[in-house]
Amino acid sequence: MSQELFVELKGEGLPVLCLHGHPGTGGSMSVFTDRLSRRFWTLTPDLRGYGRSQVRGEFELVDHLTDLEALLERLEIGPFLLLGWSLGGILALELALRHPQRVKGLILVAAAARPRGNHPPVSWVDYLYTGIAALLNGIKPGWQWNMEQFGRRSLFRYLICRHTPQAYRYLAQEGTRAYLSTSGAANRALNRALRQGYDRRDALDQIPSPALVLAGAQDCHITADSSWETAQALPKSQWHCYPETAHLFPWEIPGQVLADIDHWLDSQEL
């Protein structure tokens, strides 16, 4: 049974379904929707178990697809574009496989059909510095002293490479809220799917729509190599890999990422 999702709607025109990652909320996608809503109708849901779409009980990753299809039906969406970040990119691939004729374009951000990571071991000191960095950043977003003293020594260093006030403001505005509003059930659903060895590379040739695949060169959550592998398997794809960036690269270099998305959309006449 589907769950009715909270969804934020902005703009008008061709629909763009924007799917956040884990942990995340629809608000995490504002870096994209603030720009895209100037020319498209952006639909940004909180996935089941995240943000304002909380549920009781356990669920599986596939239930997200049921919810999203119900959302598309409720809003009477015909052809649409898909943009997915991290877990959202994996769900975007699955939706494109289920609805190949309706999806007119696919943008994958730090995502892969066979996601692989190389995250180093985490210690209690990492968690301590992360807690301090997040607390101080919530009080004074983008504070240079906090970034240097705690941010660079916290787990933030695996999410971003460029410790800039801009990136830390995104962390303060959306990152902490996303982390705190991600349910235990959502964590468990993702972990079960990963343990099963998710791999959809062999199905990607069934996606006829043009695709743009974006990656951070230093991403240790979903490596650039695994994103490249996905780009190679998609029939019509373009690829960008940004140096000295990590998993949250849209918050590190938003201007460059958005310019590349705009250029790709224009080249596809979307």
Protein backbone atom coordinates (compact mmCIF):
# COMPACT_ATOMS: atom_id res chain seq x y z
CA MET A 1 0.00 0.00 0.00
CA SER A 2 1.31 3.42 -0.91
CA GLN A 3 2.05 6.21 1.54
CA GLU A 4 0.86 9.72 0.68
CA LEU A 5 4.03 11.79 0.61
CA PHE A 6 4.54 15.38 1.62
CA VAL A 7 5.60 17.21 -1.54
CA GLU A 8 6.71 20.75 -2.31
CA LEU A 9 5.62 22.15 -5.68
CA LYS A 10 7.26 25.16 -7.33
CA GLY A 11 7.18 26.78 -10.75
CA GLU A 12 5.30 25.67 -13.84
CA GLY A 13 5.97 23.81 -17.08
CA LEU A 14 7.36 20.34 -17.71
CA PRO A 15 7.39 18.43 -14.39
CA VAL A 16 10.75 17.62 -12.78
CA LEU A 17 10.56 15.02 -10.02
CA CYS A 18 13.47 15.71 -7.64
CA LEU A 19 14.45 12.88 -5.27
CA HIS A 20 16.63 13.40 -2.20
CA GLY A 21 19.22 11.09 -0.72
CA HIS A 22 19.82 9.43 2.63
CA PRO A 23 19.63 11.05 5.10
CA GLY A 24 17.60 13.75 3.46
CA THR A 25 14.38 15.64 2.89
CA GLY A 26 12.88 17.44 -0.05
CA GLY A 27 14.44 20.60 1.37
CA SER A 28 17.87 19.14 0.61
CA MET A 29 17.05 19.59 -3.07
CA SER A 30 16.49 23.35 -2.85
CA VAL A 31 19.96 23.86 -4.35
CA PHE A 32 18.43 22.45 -7.57
CA THR A 33 14.77 23.49 -7.34
CA ASP A 34 15.42 27.17 -6.64
CA ARG A 35 16.97 27.33 -10.12
CA LEU A 36 14.95 24.71 -12.00
CA SER A 37 11.59 26.11 -10.87
CA ARG A 38 12.26 29.19 -12.98
CA ARG A 39 11.63 27.13 -16.11
CA PHE A 40 10.01 23.88 -14.92
CA TRP A 41 7.41 22.60 -12.46
CA THR A 42 9.47 21.00 -9.70
CA LEU A 43 8.00 18.28 -7.49
CA THR A 44 10.08 17.55 -4.41
CA PRO A 45 8.70 14.90 -2.05
CA ASP A 46 9.93 13.78 1.33
CA LEU A 47 10.37 10.04 0.80
CA ARG A 48 8.68 7.55 3.10
CA GLY A 49 10.32 7.62 6.53
CA TYR A 50 12.00 10.97 5.89
CA GLY A 51 11.12 14.55 6.82
CA ARG A 52 7.37 15.12 6.85
CA SER A 53 6.50 11.70 5.37
CA GLN A 54 6.91 9.65 8.54
CA VAL A 55 5.24 6.23 8.88
CA ARG A 56 4.82 3.59 11.53
CA GLY A 57 6.42 0.20 11.05
CA GLU A 58 9.05 -1.20 8.74
CA PHE A 59 9.19 -0.91 4.96
CA GLU A 60 11.47 -1.86 2.07
CA LEU A 61 13.28 0.29 -0.44
CA VAL A 62 10.89 -0.79 -3.20
CA ASP A 63 8.04 0.85 -1.27
CA HIS A 64 9.50 4.23 -2.21
CA LEU A 65 8.69 3.42 -5.84
CA THR A 66 5.09 2.56 -4.98
CA ASP A 67 4.76 5.88 -3.17
CA LEU A 68 6.29 7.84 -6.03
CA GLU A 69 4.07 6.22 -8.65
CA ALA A 70 1.04 7.05 -6.50
CA LEU A 71 2.26 10.65 -6.28
CA LEU A 72 2.61 10.89 -10.06
CA GLU A 73 -0.92 9.52 -10.46
CA ARG A 74 -2.36 11.85 -7.80
CA LEU A 75 -0.87 14.89 -9.54
CA GLU A 76 -1.83 13.56 -12.99
CA ILE A 77 1.74 13.72 -14.27
CA GLY A 78 2.38 12.65 -17.86
CA PRO A 79 5.88 13.06 -19.32
CA PHE A 80 8.43 14.24 -16.76
CA LEU A 81 12.11 14.73 -16.00
CA LEU A 82 13.90 12.97 -13.15
CA LEU A 83 16.67 14.30 -10.92
CA GLY A 84 18.01 12.12 -8.13
CA TRP A 85 20.81 12.66 -5.62
CA SER A 86 22.48 9.60 -4.04
CA LEU A 87 19.64 7.25 -2.96
CA GLY A 88 17.34 9.49 -4.97
CA GLY A 89 19.41 8.71 -8.05
CA ILE A 90 18.97 5.00 -7.50
CA LEU A 91 15.21 5.48 -7.20
CA ALA A 92 15.29 7.65 -10.32
CA LEU A 93 16.94 4.81 -12.24
CA GLU A 94 14.24 2.42 -11.06
CA LEU A 95 11.46 4.80 -12.09
CA ALA A 96 13.08 5.28 -15.49
CA LEU A 97 13.15 1.50 -15.93
CA ARG A 98 9.48 1.24 -14.96
CA HIS A 99 8.35 4.17 -17.13
CA PRO A 100 10.84 4.47 -19.98
CA GLN A 101 8.47 6.30 -22.33
CA ARG A 102 7.34 8.89 -19.77
CA VAL A 103 10.80 9.89 -18.51
CA LYS A 104 12.13 12.52 -20.91
CA GLY A 105 15.47 13.08 -19.20
CA LEU A 106 17.44 11.72 -16.28
CA ILE A 107 19.93 13.59 -14.06
CA LEU A 108 21.92 11.44 -11.64
CA VAL A 109 23.89 13.19 -8.89
CA ALA A 110 26.39 11.11 -6.88
CA ALA A 111 24.49 7.94 -7.74
CA ALA A 112 25.16 4.60 -9.40
CA ALA A 113 23.43 1.46 -10.63
CA ARG A 114 25.96 -0.53 -8.57
CA PRO A 115 26.81 1.84 -5.73
CA ARG A 116 30.21 1.28 -4.16
CA GLY A 117 31.92 3.17 -1.36
CA ASN A 118 35.38 3.34 0.17
CA HIS A 119 34.62 5.16 3.42
CA PRO A 120 37.44 4.87 5.99
CA PRO A 121 36.70 3.45 9.46
CA VAL A 122 34.95 5.84 11.85
CA SER A 123 36.11 6.43 15.43
CA TRP A 124 34.44 7.92 18.51
CA VAL A 125 36.62 11.00 18.01
CA ASP A 126 35.08 11.47 14.56
CA TYR A 127 31.62 11.46 16.11
CA LEU A 128 32.71 13.86 18.85
CA TYR A 129 34.14 16.40 16.43
CA THR A 130 31.13 16.02 14.14
CA GLY A 131 28.73 16.75 16.99
CA ILE A 132 30.69 19.85 18.02
CA ALA A 133 31.07 21.06 14.43
CA ALA A 134 27.35 20.59 13.72
CA LEU A 135 26.30 22.32 16.95
CA LEU A 136 28.51 25.34 16.37
CA ASN A 137 27.56 25.49 12.69
CA GLY A 138 23.90 25.54 13.68
CA ILE A 139 24.56 28.54 15.92
CA LYS A 140 26.86 30.37 13.51
CA PRO A 141 26.69 28.87 10.00
CA GLY A 142 29.90 29.12 7.98
CA TRP A 143 32.05 30.26 10.91
CA GLN A 144 35.63 29.99 9.68
CA TRP A 145 37.07 29.10 13.11
CA ASN A 146 34.63 26.20 13.51
CA MET A 147 35.36 24.92 10.03
CA GLU A 148 39.09 24.87 10.68
CA GLN A 149 39.07 23.64 14.28
CA PHE A 150 36.31 21.02 14.15
CA GLY A 151 34.79 20.73 10.65
CA ARG A 152 37.94 19.52 8.91
CA ARG A 153 38.49 16.91 11.64
CA SER A 154 34.86 15.74 11.71
CA LEU A 155 32.93 13.37 9.44
CA PHE A 156 32.14 16.43 7.34
CA ARG A 157 35.54 15.85 5.72
CA TYR A 158 34.12 12.76 3.99
CA LEU A 159 31.06 14.64 2.73
CA ILE A 160 32.77 17.77 1.43
CA CYS A 161 36.31 18.58 0.32
CA ARG A 162 35.87 22.33 0.08
CA HIS A 163 35.24 23.67 3.57
CA THR A 164 33.65 26.94 2.54
CA PRO A 165 31.07 29.11 4.33
CA GLN A 166 28.64 28.37 1.51
CA ALA A 167 28.87 24.59 1.97
CA TYR A 168 28.54 24.93 5.74
CA ARG A 169 25.46 27.11 5.38
CA TYR A 170 23.81 24.34 3.36
CA LEU A 171 24.83 21.88 6.06
CA ALA A 172 23.25 24.11 8.70
CA GLN A 173 20.07 24.88 6.77
CA GLU A 174 19.33 21.44 5.33
CA GLY A 175 21.88 18.84 6.42
CA THR A 176 21.21 18.76 10.15
CA ARG A 177 17.44 18.81 9.67
CA ALA A 178 17.70 15.95 7.17
CA TYR A 179 19.79 13.86 9.54
CA LEU A 180 17.48 14.40 12.50
CA SER A 181 14.28 13.69 10.55
CA THR A 182 15.44 10.43 8.96
CA SER A 183 13.71 7.54 10.72
CA GLY A 184 15.24 4.32 11.97
CA ALA A 185 12.99 2.43 9.58
CA ALA A 186 14.49 4.37 6.65
CA ASN A 187 18.00 3.52 7.85
CA ARG A 188 17.15 -0.16 8.12
CA ALA A 189 15.43 -0.30 4.73
CA LEU A 190 18.50 1.14 3.01
CA ASN A 191 20.90 -1.14 4.87
CA ARG A 192 18.88 -4.23 3.93
CA ALA A 193 18.95 -3.24 0.26
CA LEU A 194 22.70 -2.63 0.32
CA ARG A 195 23.38 -5.99 2.00
CA GLN A 196 21.51 -7.69 -0.84
CA GLY A 197 24.05 -6.29 -3.29
CA TYR A 198 22.01 -3.86 -5.38
CA ASP A 199 23.15 -3.97 -9.02
CA ARG A 200 21.09 -2.81 -12.02
CA ARG A 201 23.85 -2.29 -14.57
CA ASP A 202 22.52 -5.00 -16.89
CA ALA A 203 19.15 -3.22 -17.20
CA LEU A 204 20.40 0.25 -18.07
CA ASP A 205 20.26 -0.31 -21.82
CA GLN A 206 16.46 -0.30 -21.42
CA ILE A 207 16.46 3.42 -20.56
CA PRO A 208 16.08 5.35 -23.85
CA SER A 209 16.04 8.86 -22.38
CA PRO A 210 19.10 11.12 -22.36
CA ALA A 211 20.99 11.15 -19.07
CA LEU A 212 23.41 13.44 -17.31
CA VAL A 213 25.62 11.76 -14.70
CA LEU A 214 27.47 13.96 -12.20
CA ALA A 215 30.05 12.84 -9.62
CA GLY A 216 32.50 14.19 -7.07
CA ALA A 217 36.03 12.91 -7.62
CA GLN A 218 36.65 12.32 -3.90
CA ASP A 219 33.24 10.83 -3.08
CA CYS A 220 33.76 7.91 -0.69
CA HIS A 221 30.04 7.17 -0.19
CA ILE A 222 29.28 6.41 -3.86
CA THR A 223 32.57 6.50 -5.70
CA ALA A 224 33.13 8.39 -8.92
CA ASP A 225 34.20 5.09 -10.51
CA SER A 226 30.81 3.52 -9.83
CA SER A 227 29.03 6.59 -11.24
CA TRP A 228 31.27 6.43 -14.33
CA GLU A 229 30.38 2.77 -14.74
CA THR A 230 26.71 3.77 -14.76
CA ALA A 231 27.28 6.55 -17.28
CA GLN A 232 29.04 4.10 -19.58
CA ALA A 233 26.13 1.65 -19.43
CA LEU A 234 23.40 4.20 -20.19
CA PRO A 235 22.71 4.44 -23.94
CA LYS A 236 22.64 8.25 -24.12
CA SER A 237 24.59 9.86 -21.33
CA GLN A 238 26.91 12.76 -20.61
CA TRP A 239 29.35 12.70 -17.72
CA HIS A 240 30.95 15.29 -15.46
CA CYS A 241 33.32 14.54 -12.59
CA TYR A 242 34.28 17.49 -10.40
CA PRO A 243 37.79 17.52 -8.88
CA GLU A 244 38.34 18.19 -5.19
CA THR A 245 34.70 17.55 -4.30
CA ALA A 246 32.89 14.79 -2.43
CA HIS A 247 29.37 13.40 -1.96
CA LEU A 248 27.77 16.78 -1.27
CA PHE A 249 29.43 18.49 -4.23
CA PRO A 250 26.23 20.38 -5.24
CA TRP A 251 26.65 22.27 -1.94
CA GLU A 252 30.36 22.77 -2.54
CA ILE A 253 30.19 24.16 -6.09
CA PRO A 254 26.49 24.91 -6.76
CA GLY A 255 27.19 27.52 -9.44
CA GLN A 256 29.20 25.14 -11.61
CA VAL A 257 26.84 22.21 -11.12
CA LEU A 258 23.75 24.25 -11.95
CA ALA A 259 25.44 25.76 -15.02
CA ASP A 260 26.28 22.27 -16.29
CA ILE A 261 22.69 21.12 -15.71
CA ASP A 262 21.34 24.18 -17.53
CA HIS A 263 23.69 23.57 -20.46
CA TRP A 264 22.65 19.93 -20.70
CA LEU A 265 18.94 20.78 -20.53
CA ASP A 266 19.41 23.35 -23.30
CA SER A 267 21.32 20.86 -25.45
CA GLN A 268 18.49 18.35 -25.12
CA GLU A 269 15.88 21.07 -25.78
CA LEU A 270 14.11 20.13 -22.55
